[in-house]
Amino acid sequence: MQPYIRIEKRNNMEKQYRQETKCIQSGWTPKNGEPRIMPIIQSTTFKYESTEEMGRLFDLEEDGYFYSRVQNPTSDMVAAKIADLEGGVAAVLTSSGQAANFYAVLNICEAGDHIVSAASIYGGTYNLFGVTLKKLGIECTFVDADADEETIAAAFRPNTKVMFAETIANPALVVLDIEKFARIAHAHQVPLIVDNTFATPINCRPFEWGADIVVHSTTKYMDGHAMQIGGAIVDSGNFDWDACGSKFHGLTEPDESYHGIVYTKKFGKAAYITKATVQLMRDLGAVPSPMNCFLLNVGLETLALRMERHCYNAGRIAEYLNSHEKVSHVNYAGLPTDKYYALAQKYMPKGTCGVISFELTGGREAAVRFMDSLKLAAIVTHVADARTGVLHPASHTHRQMNDQQLKEAGVSPGLIRLSVGIENVDDLLEDLAQALEQA
């Protein structure tokens, strides 16, 4: 049973199209007389003619659908599109980005294992790795993504199973040196998992730089309209699990819950995603609804167009803030003066994202006055959708961190995260100008 196969066959285009075309055409290719638009299969279960046939499905001996907690055709169509956009062999959708991060790690880690993660990551992920996984017996060491290779490598242990980072860190906007992290991970025989939420596969494809697994909060730019919560895990198919012996025994040794199936032997390059689907989704059930998957696909169809506009608007606003007397500094890798500009040009030459972080000269109090004075931009927890939103990370997304952890994550007390939407940029600039006067 390979969950993506049925959809992949429907998506077997003769030509390898460009990203903009994939956003529209990939995932669902209708046959004669079938719906032009990707259908919503709003069913929990699927009918079969014989007990034996359904039994083969449960034994993973035959391809097909039997219960939507494990797999659903609509979900698989959208997963196939995201895998195509990222250049991966297979993908699985989850009910949230946090579920994607959790499953991506838990798929190869268990009690007694260890992971290494960049410290400059989303606050919720930091808490997942540093607190929740620790309760499950999985420890995490956080490292400075900008440190040299030798310093980062010192964090690895014999029981390290995963290395994790974000292409563009939320909210510090640190740009990851993907090739450096991939070298370190592979030198220690572990896969590199990269969260590509902010850059999206339109602006960055981590597999081309050595990453092995990519995760997304599809709630953000992929959806683009704040209509659904979801996540995705995409596997490149490039990491050789068998070459590491028993290190990844969940993939390379018999799974007794499926009569001794060995995932790498039975499913080849699809082993990692198949295990995540038929084992973790079966047991933990963080599955997206078919309707949410349909809404996600609607967003994906305009992803390339929106990312271009997000980046244009953000570039204009970053330049404006960078020259304003009340702004002490701006973090945006699209600015030539930004410390990550060179890395951004290497990995994301078409643009980074629409998120900017900056600090006012007046510190935390000025930040609060500024945010409360905005009229067009809204104070919201969400980020990376069509509407401009603003957030104070130290008070909101990173509130659970202590001062040292905030510092390690690149979050200062007065830092403001501005998610620039696709409105008219002049309207946004006017709103920022009047709010800065109040600050």
Protein backbone atom coordinates (compact mmCIF):
# COMPACT_ATOMS: atom_id res chain seq x y z
CA MET A 1 0.00 0.00 0.00
CA GLN A 2 1.50 3.31 -1.11
CA PRO A 3 -0.95 6.09 -0.27
CA TYR A 4 0.27 8.47 -2.98
CA ILE A 5 0.30 5.98 -5.86
CA ARG A 6 -3.31 6.25 -7.00
CA ILE A 7 -3.08 10.00 -7.25
CA GLU A 8 0.41 9.97 -8.73
CA LYS A 9 -0.94 7.88 -11.62
CA ARG A 10 -3.56 10.56 -12.23
CA ASN A 11 -0.80 13.15 -12.16
CA ASN A 12 1.56 11.48 -14.63
CA MET A 13 2.15 14.44 -16.93
CA GLU A 14 4.42 13.87 -19.90
CA LYS A 15 6.28 17.12 -19.36
CA GLN A 16 7.95 18.45 -16.22
CA TYR A 17 6.16 21.76 -15.87
CA ARG A 18 7.32 24.89 -14.06
CA GLN A 19 6.18 25.79 -10.56
CA GLU A 20 3.44 28.20 -11.61
CA THR A 21 1.86 25.50 -13.77
CA LYS A 22 2.21 22.84 -11.08
CA CYS A 23 0.29 25.06 -8.65
CA ILE A 24 -2.69 24.82 -10.99
CA GLN A 25 -2.39 21.46 -12.72
CA SER A 26 -0.61 19.06 -10.38
CA GLY A 27 -2.33 16.58 -8.06
CA TRP A 28 -5.49 15.94 -10.07
CA THR A 29 -5.67 15.22 -13.80
CA PRO A 30 -9.28 14.44 -14.75
CA LYS A 31 -10.13 11.82 -17.31
CA ASN A 32 -12.86 12.18 -19.91
CA GLY A 33 -16.12 13.25 -18.30
CA GLU A 34 -14.64 13.66 -14.81
CA PRO A 35 -14.79 16.84 -12.68
CA ARG A 36 -12.43 19.57 -13.89
CA ILE A 37 -11.94 20.73 -10.29
CA MET A 38 -10.35 18.49 -7.69
CA PRO A 39 -13.28 16.72 -5.97
CA ILE A 40 -14.04 16.63 -2.26
CA ILE A 41 -14.37 13.01 -1.14
CA GLN A 42 -16.30 13.76 2.05
CA SER A 43 -16.53 10.18 3.28
CA THR A 44 -15.12 8.48 6.35
CA THR A 45 -15.18 5.02 4.82
CA PHE A 46 -15.05 3.12 1.51
CA LYS A 47 -16.97 0.06 0.31
CA TYR A 48 -15.48 -3.23 -0.95
CA GLU A 49 -17.04 -6.36 -2.37
CA SER A 50 -15.25 -8.97 -0.27
CA THR A 51 -13.75 -9.51 3.16
CA GLU A 52 -10.54 -10.74 1.58
CA GLU A 53 -10.11 -7.58 -0.49
CA MET A 54 -10.44 -5.31 2.54
CA GLY A 55 -8.12 -7.59 4.50
CA ARG A 56 -5.40 -7.06 1.89
CA LEU A 57 -5.76 -3.31 2.39
CA PHE A 58 -5.28 -3.63 6.14
CA ASP A 59 -2.20 -5.80 5.54
CA LEU A 60 -0.74 -3.17 3.17
CA GLU A 61 -0.72 -5.76 0.42
CA GLU A 62 -2.97 -3.78 -1.91
CA ASP A 63 -3.39 -0.13 -2.77
CA GLY A 64 -6.69 1.53 -1.89
CA TYR A 65 -8.74 3.52 0.61
CA PHE A 66 -10.64 2.09 3.53
CA TYR A 67 -10.86 4.74 6.27
CA SER A 68 -10.20 8.48 6.08
CA ARG A 69 -8.24 8.61 9.32
CA VAL A 70 -5.46 6.79 7.50
CA GLN A 71 -5.91 8.23 4.01
CA ASN A 72 -8.42 10.05 1.89
CA PRO A 73 -8.38 10.69 -1.88
CA THR A 74 -8.78 14.47 -1.59
CA SER A 75 -5.98 14.67 0.95
CA ASP A 76 -3.75 12.51 -1.25
CA MET A 77 -4.37 14.69 -4.30
CA VAL A 78 -3.22 17.80 -2.45
CA ALA A 79 -0.29 15.93 -0.91
CA ALA A 80 0.76 14.86 -4.40
CA LYS A 81 0.70 18.50 -5.56
CA ILE A 82 2.86 19.65 -2.63
CA ALA A 83 5.30 16.77 -3.20
CA ASP A 84 5.53 17.79 -6.85
CA LEU A 85 6.17 21.43 -5.94
CA GLU A 86 8.93 20.46 -3.51
CA GLY A 87 10.45 17.85 -5.83
CA GLY A 88 9.81 14.99 -3.37
CA VAL A 89 8.75 11.40 -3.92
CA ALA A 90 5.74 11.46 -1.59
CA ALA A 91 3.93 13.57 1.00
CA VAL A 92 1.32 13.25 3.70
CA LEU A 93 -0.96 15.97 5.03
CA THR A 94 -1.62 16.53 8.74
CA SER A 95 -4.19 18.50 10.70
CA SER A 96 -1.71 21.29 11.56
CA GLY A 97 1.86 22.42 11.06
CA GLN A 98 2.67 21.39 14.61
CA ALA A 99 1.35 17.91 13.90
CA ALA A 100 3.62 17.79 10.83
CA ASN A 101 6.68 18.68 12.94
CA PHE A 102 5.69 16.16 15.61
CA TYR A 103 5.10 13.32 13.16
CA ALA A 104 8.21 14.12 11.12
CA VAL A 105 10.38 13.62 14.20
CA LEU A 106 8.39 10.85 15.89
CA ASN A 107 8.45 8.82 12.68
CA ILE A 108 12.12 8.06 13.34
CA CYS A 109 12.62 8.91 17.03
CA GLU A 110 11.52 7.20 20.24
CA ALA A 111 12.25 7.36 23.96
CA GLY A 112 15.99 7.54 24.54
CA ASP A 113 16.74 9.36 21.27
CA HIS A 114 18.11 12.85 20.74
CA ILE A 115 17.62 15.60 18.16
CA VAL A 116 19.60 18.72 17.26
CA SER A 117 17.65 21.81 16.26
CA ALA A 118 18.42 25.38 15.34
CA ALA A 119 17.45 27.64 18.25
CA SER A 120 15.95 30.28 15.96
CA ILE A 121 12.67 28.54 15.20
CA TYR A 122 8.98 29.18 15.80
CA GLY A 123 8.15 29.37 19.52
CA GLY A 124 5.60 26.56 19.35
CA THR A 125 8.14 24.24 17.73
CA TYR A 126 10.76 25.24 20.29
CA ASN A 127 8.35 24.27 23.06
CA LEU A 128 7.43 21.02 21.28
CA PHE A 129 11.07 19.98 21.08
CA GLY A 130 12.28 21.37 24.39
CA VAL A 131 9.35 20.48 26.65
CA THR A 132 6.80 18.07 25.17
CA LEU A 133 9.20 15.68 23.43
CA LYS A 134 11.33 15.65 26.56
CA LYS A 135 8.34 14.24 28.45
CA LEU A 136 8.26 11.45 25.87
CA GLY A 137 11.94 10.68 26.44
CA ILE A 138 13.30 12.48 23.37
CA GLU A 139 15.86 15.17 24.21
CA CYS A 140 16.77 18.17 22.09
CA THR A 141 19.89 20.32 21.95
CA PHE A 142 19.39 23.78 20.44
CA VAL A 143 22.23 25.32 18.47
CA ASP A 144 22.99 28.71 16.95
CA ALA A 145 22.29 28.31 13.23
CA ASP A 146 25.01 30.87 12.46
CA ALA A 147 27.71 29.00 14.40
CA ASP A 148 30.53 27.28 12.55
CA GLU A 149 30.25 23.63 11.57
CA GLU A 150 32.55 22.39 14.31
CA THR A 151 30.53 24.13 17.04
CA ILE A 152 27.23 22.78 15.73
CA ALA A 153 28.65 19.27 15.26
CA ALA A 154 29.65 19.20 18.95
CA ALA A 155 25.93 19.03 19.83
CA PHE A 156 25.55 15.59 18.25
CA ARG A 157 25.46 12.42 20.33
CA PRO A 158 25.56 8.72 19.43
CA ASN A 159 21.77 8.61 19.88
CA THR A 160 21.03 11.69 17.70
CA LYS A 161 18.48 10.79 15.05
CA VAL A 162 17.38 14.09 13.47
CA MET A 163 18.61 17.58 12.67
CA PHE A 164 15.95 20.30 12.31
CA ALA A 165 15.84 23.93 11.15
CA GLU A 166 13.68 26.46 9.30
CA THR A 167 14.61 27.96 5.93
CA ILE A 168 13.51 31.36 7.24
CA ALA A 169 13.12 31.39 11.01
CA ASN A 170 9.89 32.66 12.53
CA PRO A 171 10.07 35.47 13.70
CA ALA A 172 13.81 36.27 13.78
CA LEU A 173 14.03 35.77 9.99
CA VAL A 174 17.37 33.99 10.21
CA VAL A 175 18.11 32.48 6.80
CA LEU A 176 19.39 28.93 7.06
CA ASP A 177 22.58 27.83 5.34
CA ILE A 178 20.96 24.63 4.11
CA GLU A 179 24.10 23.14 2.59
CA LYS A 180 26.03 23.63 5.84
CA PHE A 181 23.33 21.96 7.91
CA ALA A 182 23.01 19.12 5.38
CA ARG A 183 26.77 18.45 5.53
CA ILE A 184 26.70 18.30 9.32
CA ALA A 185 23.62 16.07 9.44
CA HIS A 186 24.91 13.63 6.85
CA ALA A 187 28.34 13.47 8.47
CA HIS A 188 26.52 12.10 11.53
CA GLN A 189 24.26 9.80 9.48
CA VAL A 190 21.01 11.59 10.29
CA PRO A 191 18.44 13.26 8.02
CA LEU A 192 18.00 17.02 7.85
CA ILE A 193 14.38 18.11 8.31
CA VAL A 194 13.69 21.65 7.11
CA ASP A 195 10.55 23.67 7.78
CA ASN A 196 9.98 25.55 4.52
CA THR A 197 6.79 27.35 5.57
CA PHE A 198 7.91 30.95 5.06
CA ALA A 199 9.87 30.53 1.82
CA THR A 200 7.45 28.00 0.26
CA PRO A 201 8.61 25.84 -2.68
CA ILE A 202 8.03 28.86 -4.92
CA ASN A 203 11.05 30.67 -3.46
CA CYS A 204 13.14 27.78 -2.08
CA ARG A 205 13.39 24.04 -2.68
CA PRO A 206 15.50 22.64 0.19
CA PHE A 207 15.92 19.21 -1.42
CA GLU A 208 18.08 20.80 -4.10
CA TRP A 209 20.50 21.90 -1.37
CA GLY A 210 20.75 18.63 0.56
CA ALA A 211 17.72 18.58 2.88
CA ASP A 212 16.07 15.17 3.22
CA ILE A 213 12.59 15.94 4.57
CA VAL A 214 10.55 19.14 4.32
CA VAL A 215 7.66 20.15 6.58
CA HIS A 216 5.12 22.92 6.18
CA SER A 217 2.47 24.68 8.13
CA THR A 218 0.08 24.80 5.19
CA THR A 219 -1.99 27.18 7.33
CA LYS A 220 0.34 29.94 6.18
CA TYR A 221 1.25 30.95 2.61
CA MET A 222 0.12 27.70 1.00
CA ASP A 223 -3.43 28.35 2.17
CA GLY A 224 -2.94 32.11 2.00
CA HIS A 225 -6.43 33.07 3.15
CA ALA A 226 -6.55 31.96 6.81
CA MET A 227 -9.29 29.47 5.96
CA GLN A 228 -7.85 26.17 7.18
CA ILE A 229 -5.28 24.78 9.58
CA GLY A 230 -3.02 22.10 8.18
CA GLY A 231 0.46 20.72 7.77
CA ALA A 232 2.49 18.66 5.32
CA ILE A 233 5.48 16.33 5.42
CA VAL A 234 7.38 15.75 2.18
CA ASP A 235 10.15 13.18 1.72
CA SER A 236 12.87 13.62 -0.88
CA GLY A 237 13.45 9.86 -1.00
CA ASN A 238 17.19 10.54 -0.90
CA PHE A 239 18.15 9.48 2.63
CA ASP A 240 19.47 5.90 2.77
CA TRP A 241 17.90 4.50 5.93
CA ASP A 242 19.30 1.02 5.36
CA ALA A 243 22.87 2.34 5.14
CA CYS A 244 22.67 3.34 8.81
CA GLY A 245 22.04 -0.24 9.98
CA SER A 246 19.74 -0.49 12.99
CA LYS A 247 19.89 3.23 13.77
CA PHE A 248 16.48 3.73 12.19
CA HIS A 249 15.06 0.34 13.10
CA GLY A 250 11.46 1.54 12.84
CA LEU A 251 11.99 1.73 9.09
CA THR A 252 14.56 -1.00 8.51
CA GLU A 253 13.32 -3.76 10.83
CA PRO A 254 9.98 -5.63 10.94
CA ASP A 255 6.89 -3.78 12.14
CA GLU A 256 4.97 -6.35 14.17
CA SER A 257 1.79 -4.28 13.97
CA TYR A 258 1.76 -5.10 10.23
CA HIS A 259 2.82 -8.76 10.38
CA GLY A 260 6.52 -8.00 10.17
CA ILE A 261 6.60 -5.63 7.20
CA VAL A 262 9.94 -3.86 6.70
CA TYR A 263 9.11 -0.45 5.27
CA THR A 264 12.36 0.18 3.40
CA LYS A 265 12.20 -3.23 1.74
CA LYS A 266 8.52 -3.14 0.79
CA PHE A 267 8.07 0.52 -0.10
CA GLY A 268 11.55 1.70 -1.16
CA LYS A 269 11.81 5.46 -1.45
CA ALA A 270 8.25 5.83 -0.14
CA ALA A 271 9.15 4.05 3.15
CA TYR A 272 9.25 7.14 5.36
CA ILE A 273 5.94 8.65 4.22
CA THR A 274 4.22 5.25 4.17
CA LYS A 275 5.24 4.59 7.78
CA ALA A 276 4.09 8.06 8.86
CA THR A 277 0.75 7.46 7.17
CA VAL A 278 -0.12 3.88 8.09
CA GLN A 279 1.45 3.88 11.56
CA LEU A 280 1.40 7.37 13.07
CA MET A 281 -1.79 8.52 11.39
CA ARG A 282 -3.41 5.20 12.27
CA ASP A 283 -2.46 5.48 15.94
CA LEU A 284 -2.52 9.25 16.59
CA GLY A 285 -5.01 10.45 14.01
CA ALA A 286 -3.99 14.08 13.32
CA VAL A 287 -5.70 13.90 9.96
CA PRO A 288 -6.99 16.92 8.00
CA SER A 289 -10.60 17.00 6.86
CA PRO A 290 -11.31 16.62 3.11
CA MET A 291 -12.90 20.09 3.11
CA ASN A 292 -9.77 21.64 4.62
CA CYS A 293 -7.65 19.88 2.00
CA PHE A 294 -9.92 21.26 -0.74
CA LEU A 295 -9.56 24.80 0.67
CA LEU A 296 -5.80 24.33 0.84
CA ASN A 297 -5.74 23.39 -2.81
CA VAL A 298 -7.67 26.54 -3.71
CA GLY A 299 -4.90 28.50 -2.01
CA LEU A 300 -2.13 26.53 -3.69
CA GLU A 301 -3.49 27.46 -7.11
CA THR A 302 -2.52 31.12 -6.56
CA LEU A 303 0.59 30.53 -4.43
CA ALA A 304 3.09 31.63 -7.08
CA LEU A 305 1.15 34.82 -7.83
CA ARG A 306 0.73 35.71 -4.18
CA MET A 307 4.35 35.08 -3.20
CA GLU A 308 5.49 37.51 -5.89
CA ARG A 309 3.18 40.21 -4.50
CA HIS A 310 4.05 39.44 -0.86
CA CYS A 311 7.75 39.83 -1.62
CA TYR A 312 7.26 43.04 -3.60
CA ASN A 313 5.18 44.66 -0.86
CA ALA A 314 7.52 43.51 1.89
CA GLY A 315 10.55 44.84 0.03
CA ARG A 316 9.00 48.29 -0.30
CA ILE A 317 7.97 48.36 3.36
CA ALA A 318 11.33 47.06 4.58
CA GLU A 319 13.07 49.88 2.73
CA TYR A 320 10.70 52.43 4.27
CA LEU A 321 11.14 51.13 7.82
CA ASN A 322 14.89 50.83 7.40
CA SER A 323 15.12 54.57 6.71
CA HIS A 324 12.70 55.70 9.43
CA GLU A 325 14.15 57.57 12.41
CA LYS A 326 11.95 55.74 14.92
CA VAL A 327 13.07 52.29 13.75
CA SER A 328 16.29 51.01 15.31
CA HIS A 329 16.74 48.04 12.98
CA VAL A 330 14.92 45.89 10.42
CA ASN A 331 15.29 42.17 9.79
CA TYR A 332 14.52 41.32 6.19
CA ALA A 333 16.89 39.31 4.03
CA GLY A 334 15.74 41.14 0.91
CA LEU A 335 17.58 44.25 2.10
CA PRO A 336 21.19 44.47 0.82
CA THR A 337 22.22 45.63 4.30
CA ASP A 338 20.75 42.55 6.02
CA LYS A 339 23.28 40.07 7.43
CA TYR A 340 21.49 37.22 5.61
CA TYR A 341 21.27 38.94 2.25
CA ALA A 342 24.01 36.81 0.64
CA LEU A 343 22.45 33.56 1.86
CA ALA A 344 19.05 34.69 0.65
CA GLN A 345 20.45 35.47 -2.79
CA LYS A 346 21.96 31.98 -2.90
CA TYR A 347 18.94 29.98 -1.75
CA MET A 348 16.05 32.33 -2.61
CA PRO A 349 17.08 34.59 -5.50
CA LYS A 350 13.44 35.27 -6.49
CA GLY A 351 12.55 36.56 -3.01
CA THR A 352 12.23 35.38 0.56
CA CYS A 353 8.75 35.97 2.01
CA GLY A 354 6.39 38.71 3.11
CA VAL A 355 7.35 38.71 6.78
CA ILE A 356 9.43 41.51 8.30
CA SER A 357 10.58 41.94 11.88
CA PHE A 358 11.79 45.24 13.28
CA GLU A 359 12.30 47.13 16.51
CA LEU A 360 11.45 50.70 17.41
CA THR A 361 13.88 53.00 19.18
CA GLY A 362 11.37 53.35 22.02
CA GLY A 363 11.46 49.62 22.85
CA ARG A 364 8.53 47.58 24.15
CA GLU A 365 6.30 50.55 25.12
CA ALA A 366 6.71 52.15 21.71
CA ALA A 367 5.96 48.81 20.04
CA VAL A 368 2.67 48.52 21.93
CA ARG A 369 1.63 52.09 21.03
CA PHE A 370 2.55 51.50 17.39
CA MET A 371 0.60 48.25 17.12
CA ASP A 372 -2.47 49.68 18.86
CA SER A 373 -2.46 52.62 16.43
CA LEU A 374 -2.57 50.57 13.23
CA LYS A 375 -5.86 50.78 11.33
CA LEU A 376 -5.37 48.59 8.26
CA ALA A 377 -2.96 46.03 9.67
CA ALA A 378 -4.57 43.88 12.36
CA ILE A 379 -3.09 42.44 15.57
CA VAL A 380 -3.40 38.71 14.96
CA THR A 381 -1.64 35.50 15.96
CA HIS A 382 -1.67 34.39 12.37
CA VAL A 383 1.02 35.13 9.83
CA ALA A 384 1.56 34.73 6.09
CA ASP A 385 -1.84 35.26 4.56
CA ALA A 386 -3.35 37.76 2.14
CA ARG A 387 -4.14 40.31 4.88
CA THR A 388 -1.47 42.30 6.66
CA GLY A 389 -1.09 41.34 10.30
CA VAL A 390 1.16 42.37 13.16
CA LEU A 391 2.32 40.59 16.31
CA HIS A 392 4.55 41.15 19.34
CA PRO A 393 6.38 37.79 19.63
CA ALA A 394 7.69 38.25 23.18
CA SER A 395 4.12 38.78 24.40
CA HIS A 396 2.41 36.29 22.09
CA THR A 397 3.97 33.39 20.13
CA HIS A 398 7.12 33.20 22.29
CA ARG A 399 5.46 34.11 25.60
CA GLN A 400 6.43 30.81 27.27
CA MET A 401 10.17 31.45 26.81
CA ASN A 402 12.43 32.96 29.44
CA ASP A 403 14.77 35.85 28.62
CA GLN A 404 17.68 33.57 27.70
CA GLN A 405 15.53 31.45 25.42
CA LEU A 406 14.14 34.58 23.77
CA LYS A 407 17.67 35.78 23.14
CA GLU A 408 18.67 32.43 21.62
CA ALA A 409 15.61 32.53 19.37
CA GLY A 410 16.49 36.06 18.21
CA VAL A 411 13.45 37.64 19.86
CA SER A 412 14.14 40.91 21.66
CA PRO A 413 11.53 42.47 24.02
CA GLY A 414 10.57 45.18 21.54
CA LEU A 415 10.60 43.08 18.37
CA ILE A 416 7.57 43.46 16.09
CA ARG A 417 6.64 40.86 13.47
CA LEU A 418 4.88 42.35 10.47
CA SER A 419 3.28 39.95 8.01
CA VAL A 420 2.84 41.99 4.86
CA GLY A 421 -0.24 41.08 2.84
CA ILE A 422 -1.14 41.62 -0.79
CA GLU A 423 -3.09 44.87 -0.36
CA ASN A 424 -1.99 47.99 -2.23
CA VAL A 425 1.42 48.76 -0.81
CA ASP A 426 0.81 52.52 -0.70
CA ASP A 427 -2.17 51.99 1.60
CA LEU A 428 -0.01 49.87 3.86
CA LEU A 429 2.77 52.47 3.91
CA GLU A 430 0.29 55.20 4.87
CA ASP A 431 -1.04 53.07 7.73
CA LEU A 432 2.48 52.40 9.01
CA ALA A 433 3.37 56.10 8.78
CA GLN A 434 0.42 57.26 10.90
CA ALA A 435 1.05 54.51 13.49
CA LEU A 436 4.74 55.44 13.73
CA GLU A 437 3.72 59.01 14.52
CA GLN A 438 1.85 57.69 17.59
CA ALA A 439 4.85 55.63 18.69
